[in-house]
PDB file of all heavy atoms in Angstrom:
ATOM      1  N   PRO A   1     -29.596  29.564 -22.838  1.00  0.00           N
ATOM      2  CA  PRO A   1     -28.475  28.973 -23.499  1.00  0.00           C
ATOM      3  C   PRO A   1     -28.744  28.936 -25.042  1.00  0.00           C
ATOM      4  O   PRO A   1     -29.823  28.920 -25.474  1.00  0.00           O
ATOM      5  CB  PRO A   1     -28.385  27.647 -22.980  1.00  0.00           C
ATOM      6  CG  PRO A   1     -29.862  27.344 -22.471  1.00  0.00           C
ATOM      7  CD  PRO A   1     -30.418  28.646 -22.092  1.00  0.00           C
ATOM      8  N   VAL A   2     -27.655  29.043 -25.821  1.00  0.00           N
ATOM      9  CA  VAL A   2     -27.738  29.098 -27.213  1.00  0.00           C
ATOM     10  C   VAL A   2     -26.764  27.930 -27.887  1.00  0.00           C
ATOM     11  O   VAL A   2     -25.730  27.981 -27.547  1.00  0.00           O
ATOM     12  CB  VAL A   2     -27.311  30.499 -27.779  1.00  0.00           C
ATOM     13  CG1 VAL A   2     -27.351  30.452 -29.375  1.00  0.00           C
ATOM     14  CG2 VAL A   2     -28.201  31.566 -27.227  1.00  0.00           C
ATOM     15  N   ASN A   3     -27.505  27.252 -28.691  1.00  0.00           N
ATOM     16  CA  ASN A   3     -26.630  26.152 -29.434  1.00  0.00           C
ATOM     17  C   ASN A   3     -26.024  26.726 -30.671  1.00  0.00           C
ATOM     18  O   ASN A   3     -26.662  27.577 -31.359  1.00  0.00           O
ATOM     19  CB  ASN A   3     -27.596  25.014 -29.911  1.00  0.00           C
ATOM     20  CG  ASN A   3     -28.191  24.268 -28.767  1.00  0.00           C
ATOM     21  OD1 ASN A   3     -27.545  24.074 -27.650  1.00  0.00           O
ATOM     22  ND2 ASN A   3     -29.358  23.745 -28.945  1.00  0.00           N
ATOM     23  N   LEU A   4     -24.719  26.375 -30.913  1.00  0.00           N
ATOM     24  CA  LEU A   4     -23.987  26.709 -32.090  1.00  0.00           C
ATOM     25  C   LEU A   4     -23.793  25.356 -32.785  1.00  0.00           C
ATOM     26  O   LEU A   4     -23.114  24.532 -32.415  1.00  0.00           O
ATOM     27  CB  LEU A   4     -22.671  27.350 -31.820  1.00  0.00           C
ATOM     28  CG  LEU A   4     -22.732  28.622 -31.077  1.00  0.00           C
ATOM     29  CD1 LEU A   4     -21.367  29.192 -30.802  1.00  0.00           C
ATOM     30  CD2 LEU A   4     -23.639  29.716 -31.825  1.00  0.00           C
ATOM     31  N   GLY A   5     -24.312  25.280 -34.109  1.00  0.00           N
ATOM     32  CA  GLY A   5     -24.139  24.157 -34.894  1.00  0.00           C
ATOM     33  C   GLY A   5     -24.332  24.489 -36.347  1.00  0.00           C
ATOM     34  O   GLY A   5     -24.604  25.675 -36.774  1.00  0.00           O
ATOM     35  N   SER A   6     -24.002  23.561 -37.219  1.00  0.00           N
ATOM     36  CA  SER A   6     -24.178  23.768 -38.636  1.00  0.00           C
ATOM     37  C   SER A   6     -25.557  23.564 -39.244  1.00  0.00           C
ATOM     38  O   SER A   6     -25.910  23.885 -40.315  1.00  0.00           O
ATOM     39  CB  SER A   6     -23.211  22.899 -39.304  1.00  0.00           C
ATOM     40  OG  SER A   6     -23.562  21.476 -39.147  1.00  0.00           O
ATOM     41  N   GLY A   7     -26.321  22.658 -38.473  1.00  0.00           N
ATOM     42  CA  GLY A   7     -27.611  22.330 -39.006  1.00  0.00           C
ATOM     43  C   GLY A   7     -27.603  21.154 -39.986  1.00  0.00           C
ATOM     44  O   GLY A   7     -28.604  20.871 -40.484  1.00  0.00           O
ATOM     45  N   MET A   8     -26.382  20.639 -40.197  1.00  0.00           N
ATOM     46  CA  MET A   8     -26.243  19.511 -41.188  1.00  0.00           C
ATOM     47  C   MET A   8     -25.904  18.207 -40.445  1.00  0.00           C
ATOM     48  O   MET A   8     -24.942  18.285 -39.666  1.00  0.00           O
ATOM     49  CB  MET A   8     -25.137  19.857 -42.148  1.00  0.00           C
ATOM     50  CG  MET A   8     -25.036  18.906 -43.407  1.00  0.00           C
ATOM     51  SD  MET A   8     -24.147  17.369 -43.236  1.00  0.00           S
ATOM     52  CE  MET A   8     -22.617  17.727 -42.788  1.00  0.00           C
ATOM     53  N   GLU A   9     -26.600  17.179 -40.640  1.00  0.00           N
ATOM     54  CA  GLU A   9     -26.510  16.035 -39.952  1.00  0.00           C
ATOM     55  C   GLU A   9     -26.025  14.926 -40.927  1.00  0.00           C
ATOM     56  O   GLU A   9     -26.465  14.765 -42.077  1.00  0.00           O
ATOM     57  CB  GLU A   9     -27.889  15.514 -39.388  1.00  0.00           C
ATOM     58  CG  GLU A   9     -27.779  14.408 -38.438  1.00  0.00           C
ATOM     59  CD  GLU A   9     -29.256  14.114 -37.771  1.00  0.00           C
ATOM     60  OE1 GLU A   9     -30.235  14.809 -38.157  1.00  0.00           O
ATOM     61  OE2 GLU A   9     -29.298  13.328 -36.825  1.00  0.00           O
ATOM     62  N   ILE A  10     -25.036  14.069 -40.445  1.00  0.00           N
ATOM     63  CA  ILE A  10     -24.529  13.090 -41.457  1.00  0.00           C
ATOM     64  C   ILE A  10     -24.257  11.750 -40.573  1.00  0.00           C
ATOM     65  O   ILE A  10     -23.928  11.829 -39.477  1.00  0.00           O
ATOM     66  CB  ILE A  10     -23.187  13.533 -42.052  1.00  0.00           C
ATOM     67  CG1 ILE A  10     -22.613  12.528 -43.120  1.00  0.00           C
ATOM     68  CG2 ILE A  10     -22.104  13.843 -40.991  1.00  0.00           C
ATOM     69  CD1 ILE A  10     -21.546  13.084 -43.989  1.00  0.00           C
ATOM     70  N   SER A  11     -24.498  10.678 -41.246  1.00  0.00           N
ATOM     71  CA  SER A  11     -24.289   9.353 -40.578  1.00  0.00           C
ATOM     72  C   SER A  11     -22.777   9.141 -40.636  1.00  0.00           C
ATOM     73  O   SER A  11     -21.962   9.668 -41.366  1.00  0.00           O
ATOM     74  CB  SER A  11     -24.847   8.130 -41.253  1.00  0.00           C
ATOM     75  OG  SER A  11     -24.193   7.841 -42.450  1.00  0.00           O
ATOM     76  N   ILE A  12     -22.267   8.372 -39.568  1.00  0.00           N
ATOM     77  CA  ILE A  12     -20.774   8.085 -39.453  1.00  0.00           C
ATOM     78  C   ILE A  12     -20.412   7.336 -40.641  1.00  0.00           C
ATOM     79  O   ILE A  12     -19.235   7.611 -41.166  1.00  0.00           O
ATOM     80  CB  ILE A  12     -20.524   7.422 -38.121  1.00  0.00           C
ATOM     81  CG1 ILE A  12     -20.963   8.233 -36.847  1.00  0.00           C
ATOM     82  CG2 ILE A  12     -19.090   6.947 -38.100  1.00  0.00           C
ATOM     83  CD1 ILE A  12     -20.205   9.526 -36.796  1.00  0.00           C
ATOM     84  N   ARG A  13     -21.213   6.450 -41.199  1.00  0.00           N
ATOM     85  CA  ARG A  13     -20.839   5.657 -42.395  1.00  0.00           C
ATOM     86  C   ARG A  13     -20.716   6.758 -43.540  1.00  0.00           C
ATOM     87  O   ARG A  13     -19.603   6.560 -44.320  1.00  0.00           O
ATOM     88  CB  ARG A  13     -21.963   4.772 -42.739  1.00  0.00           C
ATOM     89  CG  ARG A  13     -21.625   3.847 -43.939  1.00  0.00           C
ATOM     90  CD  ARG A  13     -22.750   2.790 -44.137  1.00  0.00           C
ATOM     91  NE  ARG A  13     -22.801   1.881 -43.020  1.00  0.00           N
ATOM     92  CZ  ARG A  13     -21.985   0.909 -42.704  1.00  0.00           C
ATOM     93  NH1 ARG A  13     -20.993   0.578 -43.476  1.00  0.00           N
ATOM     94  NH2 ARG A  13     -22.274   0.098 -41.618  1.00  0.00           N
ATOM     95  N   ASP A  14     -21.607   7.619 -43.713  1.00  0.00           N
ATOM     96  CA  ASP A  14     -21.402   8.485 -44.786  1.00  0.00           C
ATOM     97  C   ASP A  14     -20.165   9.451 -44.686  1.00  0.00           C
ATOM     98  O   ASP A  14     -19.551   9.857 -45.605  1.00  0.00           O
ATOM     99  CB  ASP A  14     -22.610   9.440 -45.175  1.00  0.00           C
ATOM    100  CG  ASP A  14     -23.818   8.575 -45.633  1.00  0.00           C
ATOM    101  OD1 ASP A  14     -23.621   7.455 -46.188  1.00  0.00           O
ATOM    102  OD2 ASP A  14     -25.062   9.049 -45.508  1.00  0.00           O
ATOM    103  N   LEU A  15     -19.936   9.835 -43.433  1.00  0.00           N
ATOM    104  CA  LEU A  15     -18.782  10.682 -43.134  1.00  0.00           C
ATOM    105  C   LEU A  15     -17.553   9.917 -43.414  1.00  0.00           C
ATOM    106  O   LEU A  15     -16.625  10.583 -44.183  1.00  0.00           O
ATOM    107  CB  LEU A  15     -18.741  10.992 -41.535  1.00  0.00           C
ATOM    108  CG  LEU A  15     -17.617  11.755 -41.074  1.00  0.00           C
ATOM    109  CD1 LEU A  15     -17.454  13.138 -41.629  1.00  0.00           C
ATOM    110  CD2 LEU A  15     -17.655  11.734 -39.516  1.00  0.00           C
ATOM    111  N   VAL A  16     -17.396   8.680 -43.049  1.00  0.00           N
ATOM    112  CA  VAL A  16     -16.166   7.955 -43.224  1.00  0.00           C
ATOM    113  C   VAL A  16     -15.934   7.819 -44.878  1.00  0.00           C
ATOM    114  O   VAL A  16     -14.911   7.994 -45.285  1.00  0.00           O
ATOM    115  CB  VAL A  16     -16.121   6.580 -42.686  1.00  0.00           C
ATOM    116  CG1 VAL A  16     -15.035   5.805 -43.057  1.00  0.00           C
ATOM    117  CG2 VAL A  16     -16.105   6.809 -41.113  1.00  0.00           C
ATOM    118  N   GLU A  17     -16.980   7.539 -45.623  1.00  0.00           N
ATOM    119  CA  GLU A  17     -16.918   7.399 -47.080  1.00  0.00           C
ATOM    120  C   GLU A  17     -16.490   8.750 -47.629  1.00  0.00           C
ATOM    121  O   GLU A  17     -15.649   8.851 -48.564  1.00  0.00           O
ATOM    122  CB  GLU A  17     -18.212   6.897 -47.559  1.00  0.00           C
ATOM    123  CG  GLU A  17     -18.547   5.448 -47.276  1.00  0.00           C
ATOM    124  CD  GLU A  17     -19.874   5.027 -47.747  1.00  0.00           C
ATOM    125  OE1 GLU A  17     -20.589   5.844 -48.421  1.00  0.00           O
ATOM    126  OE2 GLU A  17     -20.322   3.873 -47.282  1.00  0.00           O
ATOM    127  N   LEU A  18     -17.058   9.885 -47.160  1.00  0.00           N
ATOM    128  CA  LEU A  18     -16.637  11.104 -47.649  1.00  0.00           C
ATOM    129  C   LEU A  18     -15.202  11.544 -47.350  1.00  0.00           C
ATOM    130  O   LEU A  18     -14.497  11.954 -48.233  1.00  0.00           O
ATOM    131  CB  LEU A  18     -17.580  12.187 -47.109  1.00  0.00           C
ATOM    132  CG  LEU A  18     -17.301  13.694 -47.409  1.00  0.00           C
ATOM    133  CD1 LEU A  18     -17.472  13.786 -48.963  1.00  0.00           C
ATOM    134  CD2 LEU A  18     -18.377  14.590 -46.745  1.00  0.00           C
ATOM    135  N   ILE A  19     -14.745  11.173 -46.275  1.00  0.00           N
ATOM    136  CA  ILE A  19     -13.291  11.467 -45.867  1.00  0.00           C
ATOM    137  C   ILE A  19     -12.435  10.639 -46.622  1.00  0.00           C
ATOM    138  O   ILE A  19     -11.354  11.098 -47.245  1.00  0.00           O
ATOM    139  CB  ILE A  19     -13.111  11.379 -44.275  1.00  0.00           C
ATOM    140  CG1 ILE A  19     -13.757  12.504 -43.589  1.00  0.00           C
ATOM    141  CG2 ILE A  19     -11.611  11.348 -44.103  1.00  0.00           C
ATOM    142  CD1 ILE A  19     -13.739  12.200 -42.075  1.00  0.00           C
ATOM    143  N   ALA A  20     -12.807   9.337 -46.858  1.00  0.00           N
ATOM    144  CA  ALA A  20     -11.983   8.529 -47.751  1.00  0.00           C
ATOM    145  C   ALA A  20     -11.886   9.048 -49.089  1.00  0.00           C
ATOM    146  O   ALA A  20     -10.760   9.037 -49.708  1.00  0.00           O
ATOM    147  CB  ALA A  20     -12.646   6.970 -47.789  1.00  0.00           C
ATOM    148  N   ASP A  21     -12.929   9.475 -49.662  1.00  0.00           N
ATOM    149  CA  ASP A  21     -13.001   9.981 -50.968  1.00  0.00           C
ATOM    150  C   ASP A  21     -12.220  11.281 -51.087  1.00  0.00           C
ATOM    151  O   ASP A  21     -11.387  11.479 -52.001  1.00  0.00           O
ATOM    152  CB  ASP A  21     -14.405  10.420 -51.406  1.00  0.00           C
ATOM    153  CG  ASP A  21     -14.497  10.871 -52.770  1.00  0.00           C
ATOM    154  OD1 ASP A  21     -13.970  10.267 -53.755  1.00  0.00           O
ATOM    155  OD2 ASP A  21     -15.052  11.958 -53.028  1.00  0.00           O
ATOM    156  N   LEU A  22     -12.253  12.178 -50.075  1.00  0.00           N
ATOM    157  CA  LEU A  22     -11.527  13.368 -50.143  1.00  0.00           C
ATOM    158  C   LEU A  22     -10.075  13.243 -49.928  1.00  0.00           C
ATOM    159  O   LEU A  22      -9.266  14.100 -50.383  1.00  0.00           O
ATOM    160  CB  LEU A  22     -12.100  14.472 -49.059  1.00  0.00           C
ATOM    161  CG  LEU A  22     -13.444  14.944 -49.278  1.00  0.00           C
ATOM    162  CD1 LEU A  22     -13.959  15.767 -48.141  1.00  0.00           C
ATOM    163  CD2 LEU A  22     -13.555  15.769 -50.598  1.00  0.00           C
ATOM    164  N   THR A  23      -9.691  12.164 -49.266  1.00  0.00           N
ATOM    165  CA  THR A  23      -8.296  11.972 -48.986  1.00  0.00           C
ATOM    166  C   THR A  23      -7.621  11.098 -50.077  1.00  0.00           C
ATOM    167  O   THR A  23      -6.419  10.908 -50.185  1.00  0.00           O
ATOM    168  CB  THR A  23      -7.986  11.236 -47.629  1.00  0.00           C
ATOM    169  OG1 THR A  23      -8.764   9.953 -47.617  1.00  0.00           O
ATOM    170  CG2 THR A  23      -8.369  12.102 -46.475  1.00  0.00           C
ATOM    171  N   GLY A  24      -8.418  10.537 -50.991  1.00  0.00           N
ATOM    172  CA  GLY A  24      -7.939   9.681 -52.018  1.00  0.00           C
ATOM    173  C   GLY A  24      -7.716   8.242 -51.673  1.00  0.00           C
ATOM    174  O   GLY A  24      -7.054   7.437 -52.348  1.00  0.00           O
ATOM    175  N   PHE A  25      -8.261   7.871 -50.472  1.00  0.00           N
ATOM    176  CA  PHE A  25      -8.145   6.411 -50.051  1.00  0.00           C
ATOM    177  C   PHE A  25      -9.196   5.607 -50.712  1.00  0.00           C
ATOM    178  O   PHE A  25     -10.365   5.979 -50.599  1.00  0.00           O
ATOM    179  CB  PHE A  25      -8.299   6.316 -48.524  1.00  0.00           C
ATOM    180  CG  PHE A  25      -8.326   4.975 -47.956  1.00  0.00           C
ATOM    181  CD1 PHE A  25      -7.231   4.116 -48.020  1.00  0.00           C
ATOM    182  CD2 PHE A  25      -9.603   4.371 -47.479  1.00  0.00           C
ATOM    183  CE1 PHE A  25      -7.286   2.872 -47.585  1.00  0.00           C
ATOM    184  CE2 PHE A  25      -9.690   3.024 -47.071  1.00  0.00           C
ATOM    185  CZ  PHE A  25      -8.499   2.283 -47.104  1.00  0.00           C
ATOM    186  N   GLU A  26      -8.667   4.560 -51.475  1.00  0.00           N
ATOM    187  CA  GLU A  26      -9.569   3.787 -52.229  1.00  0.00           C
ATOM    188  C   GLU A  26      -9.861   2.349 -51.626  1.00  0.00           C
ATOM    189  O   GLU A  26     -10.653   1.670 -52.340  1.00  0.00           O
ATOM    190  CB  GLU A  26      -9.077   3.665 -53.619  1.00  0.00           C
ATOM    191  CG  GLU A  26      -8.940   4.995 -54.307  1.00  0.00           C
ATOM    192  CD  GLU A  26      -8.350   4.951 -55.714  1.00  0.00           C
ATOM    193  OE1 GLU A  26      -7.797   3.917 -56.080  1.00  0.00           O
ATOM    194  OE2 GLU A  26      -8.279   5.990 -56.308  1.00  0.00           O
ATOM    195  N   GLY A  27      -9.493   2.191 -50.477  1.00  0.00           N
ATOM    196  CA  GLY A  27      -9.650   0.811 -49.931  1.00  0.00           C
ATOM    197  C   GLY A  27     -10.980   0.702 -49.237  1.00  0.00           C
ATOM    198  O   GLY A  27     -11.902   1.602 -49.338  1.00  0.00           O
ATOM    199  N   GLU A  28     -11.224  -0.434 -48.603  1.00  0.00           N
ATOM    200  CA  GLU A  28     -12.413  -0.750 -47.937  1.00  0.00           C
ATOM    201  C   GLU A  28     -12.477  -0.155 -46.593  1.00  0.00           C
ATOM    202  O   GLU A  28     -11.414   0.054 -45.958  1.00  0.00           O
ATOM    203  CB  GLU A  28     -12.639  -2.201 -47.944  1.00  0.00           C
ATOM    204  CG  GLU A  28     -12.812  -2.835 -49.243  1.00  0.00           C
ATOM    205  CD  GLU A  28     -13.979  -2.432 -49.974  1.00  0.00           C
ATOM    206  OE1 GLU A  28     -15.102  -2.373 -49.395  1.00  0.00           O
ATOM    207  OE2 GLU A  28     -13.901  -2.206 -51.193  1.00  0.00           O
ATOM    208  N   VAL A  29     -13.728  -0.084 -45.911  1.00  0.00           N
ATOM    209  CA  VAL A  29     -13.858   0.360 -44.549  1.00  0.00           C
ATOM    210  C   VAL A  29     -14.438  -0.887 -43.887  1.00  0.00           C
ATOM    211  O   VAL A  29     -15.463  -1.391 -44.217  1.00  0.00           O
ATOM    212  CB  VAL A  29     -14.735   1.539 -44.390  1.00  0.00           C
ATOM    213  CG1 VAL A  29     -15.056   1.873 -42.899  1.00  0.00           C
ATOM    214  CG2 VAL A  29     -14.259   2.716 -45.160  1.00  0.00           C
ATOM    215  N   GLU A  30     -13.747  -1.414 -42.909  1.00  0.00           N
ATOM    216  CA  GLU A  30     -14.140  -2.487 -42.021  1.00  0.00           C
ATOM    217  C   GLU A  30     -14.718  -1.825 -40.721  1.00  0.00           C
ATOM    218  O   GLU A  30     -14.104  -1.098 -40.124  1.00  0.00           O
ATOM    219  CB  GLU A  30     -12.956  -3.487 -41.759  1.00  0.00           C
ATOM    220  CG  GLU A  30     -12.469  -4.065 -43.052  1.00  0.00           C
ATOM    221  CD  GLU A  30     -11.251  -4.903 -42.766  1.00  0.00           C
ATOM    222  OE1 GLU A  30     -10.691  -4.917 -41.578  1.00  0.00           O
ATOM    223  OE2 GLU A  30     -10.759  -5.526 -43.708  1.00  0.00           O
ATOM    224  N   TRP A  31     -15.901  -2.207 -40.385  1.00  0.00           N
ATOM    225  CA  TRP A  31     -16.636  -1.729 -39.138  1.00  0.00           C
ATOM    226  C   TRP A  31     -16.390  -2.694 -38.135  1.00  0.00           C
ATOM    227  O   TRP A  31     -16.815  -3.789 -38.058  1.00  0.00           O
ATOM    228  CB  TRP A  31     -18.024  -1.470 -39.583  1.00  0.00           C
ATOM    229  CG  TRP A  31     -18.276  -0.440 -40.532  1.00  0.00           C
ATOM    230  CD1 TRP A  31     -18.392  -0.500 -41.885  1.00  0.00           C
ATOM    231  CD2 TRP A  31     -18.249   1.080 -40.328  1.00  0.00           C
ATOM    232  NE1 TRP A  31     -18.420   0.675 -42.471  1.00  0.00           N
ATOM    233  CE2 TRP A  31     -18.287   1.712 -41.454  1.00  0.00           C
ATOM    234  CE3 TRP A  31     -18.053   1.714 -39.174  1.00  0.00           C
ATOM    235  CZ2 TRP A  31     -18.325   3.057 -41.612  1.00  0.00           C
ATOM    236  CZ3 TRP A  31     -18.122   3.100 -39.225  1.00  0.00           C
ATOM    237  CH2 TRP A  31     -18.255   3.767 -40.582  1.00  0.00           C
ATOM    238  N   ASP A  32     -15.704  -2.195 -37.047  1.00  0.00           N
ATOM    239  CA  ASP A  32     -15.522  -2.984 -35.775  1.00  0.00           C
ATOM    240  C   ASP A  32     -16.689  -2.791 -34.893  1.00  0.00           C
ATOM    241  O   ASP A  32     -16.801  -1.867 -34.079  1.00  0.00           O
ATOM    242  CB  ASP A  32     -14.344  -2.505 -35.097  1.00  0.00           C
ATOM    243  CG  ASP A  32     -13.907  -3.211 -33.913  1.00  0.00           C
ATOM    244  OD1 ASP A  32     -14.703  -4.154 -33.466  1.00  0.00           O
ATOM    245  OD2 ASP A  32     -12.810  -3.092 -33.413  1.00  0.00           O
ATOM    246  N   THR A  33     -17.710  -3.745 -34.995  1.00  0.00           N
ATOM    247  CA  THR A  33     -18.922  -3.614 -34.181  1.00  0.00           C
ATOM    248  C   THR A  33     -18.753  -3.973 -32.805  1.00  0.00           C
ATOM    249  O   THR A  33     -19.745  -3.779 -32.018  1.00  0.00           O
ATOM    250  CB  THR A  33     -20.059  -4.414 -34.924  1.00  0.00           C
ATOM    251  OG1 THR A  33     -19.557  -5.726 -34.943  1.00  0.00           O
ATOM    252  CG2 THR A  33     -20.446  -3.945 -36.268  1.00  0.00           C
ATOM    253  N   SER A  34     -17.575  -4.379 -32.463  1.00  0.00           N
ATOM    254  CA  SER A  34     -17.210  -4.508 -30.948  1.00  0.00           C
ATOM    255  C   SER A  34     -17.091  -3.233 -30.148  1.00  0.00           C
ATOM    256  O   SER A  34     -17.185  -3.202 -29.013  1.00  0.00           O
ATOM    257  CB  SER A  34     -16.082  -5.477 -30.744  1.00  0.00           C
ATOM    258  OG  SER A  34     -14.907  -4.873 -31.099  1.00  0.00           O
ATOM    259  N   LYS A  35     -16.700  -2.214 -30.983  1.00  0.00           N
ATOM    260  CA  LYS A  35     -16.668  -0.864 -30.437  1.00  0.00           C
ATOM    261  C   LYS A  35     -17.984  -0.192 -30.399  1.00  0.00           C
ATOM    262  O   LYS A  35     -18.884  -0.448 -31.133  1.00  0.00           O
ATOM    263  CB  LYS A  35     -15.669  -0.107 -31.286  1.00  0.00           C
ATOM    264  CG  LYS A  35     -14.251  -0.711 -31.381  1.00  0.00           C
ATOM    265  CD  LYS A  35     -13.477  -0.722 -30.085  1.00  0.00           C
ATOM    266  CE  LYS A  35     -12.140  -1.188 -30.303  1.00  0.00           C
ATOM    267  NZ  LYS A  35     -11.408  -1.478 -29.166  1.00  0.00           N
ATOM    268  N   PRO A  36     -18.120   0.826 -29.480  1.00  0.00           N
ATOM    269  CA  PRO A  36     -19.397   1.436 -29.223  1.00  0.00           C
ATOM    270  C   PRO A  36     -19.779   2.357 -30.385  1.00  0.00           C
ATOM    271  O   PRO A  36     -18.902   2.998 -31.028  1.00  0.00           O
ATOM    272  CB  PRO A  36     -19.274   2.243 -27.942  1.00  0.00           C
ATOM    273  CG  PRO A  36     -17.717   2.478 -27.811  1.00  0.00           C
ATOM    274  CD  PRO A  36     -17.169   1.258 -28.546  1.00  0.00           C
TER     275      PRO A  36
END
């Protein structure tokens, strides 16, 4: 079997911040820790 991936790993926190920046959203991110 062969894996196809980018080789780049990112935390969900950093991902959300990056998407917020790229979309122009300037608000806060609230983390719902009751979710998995």
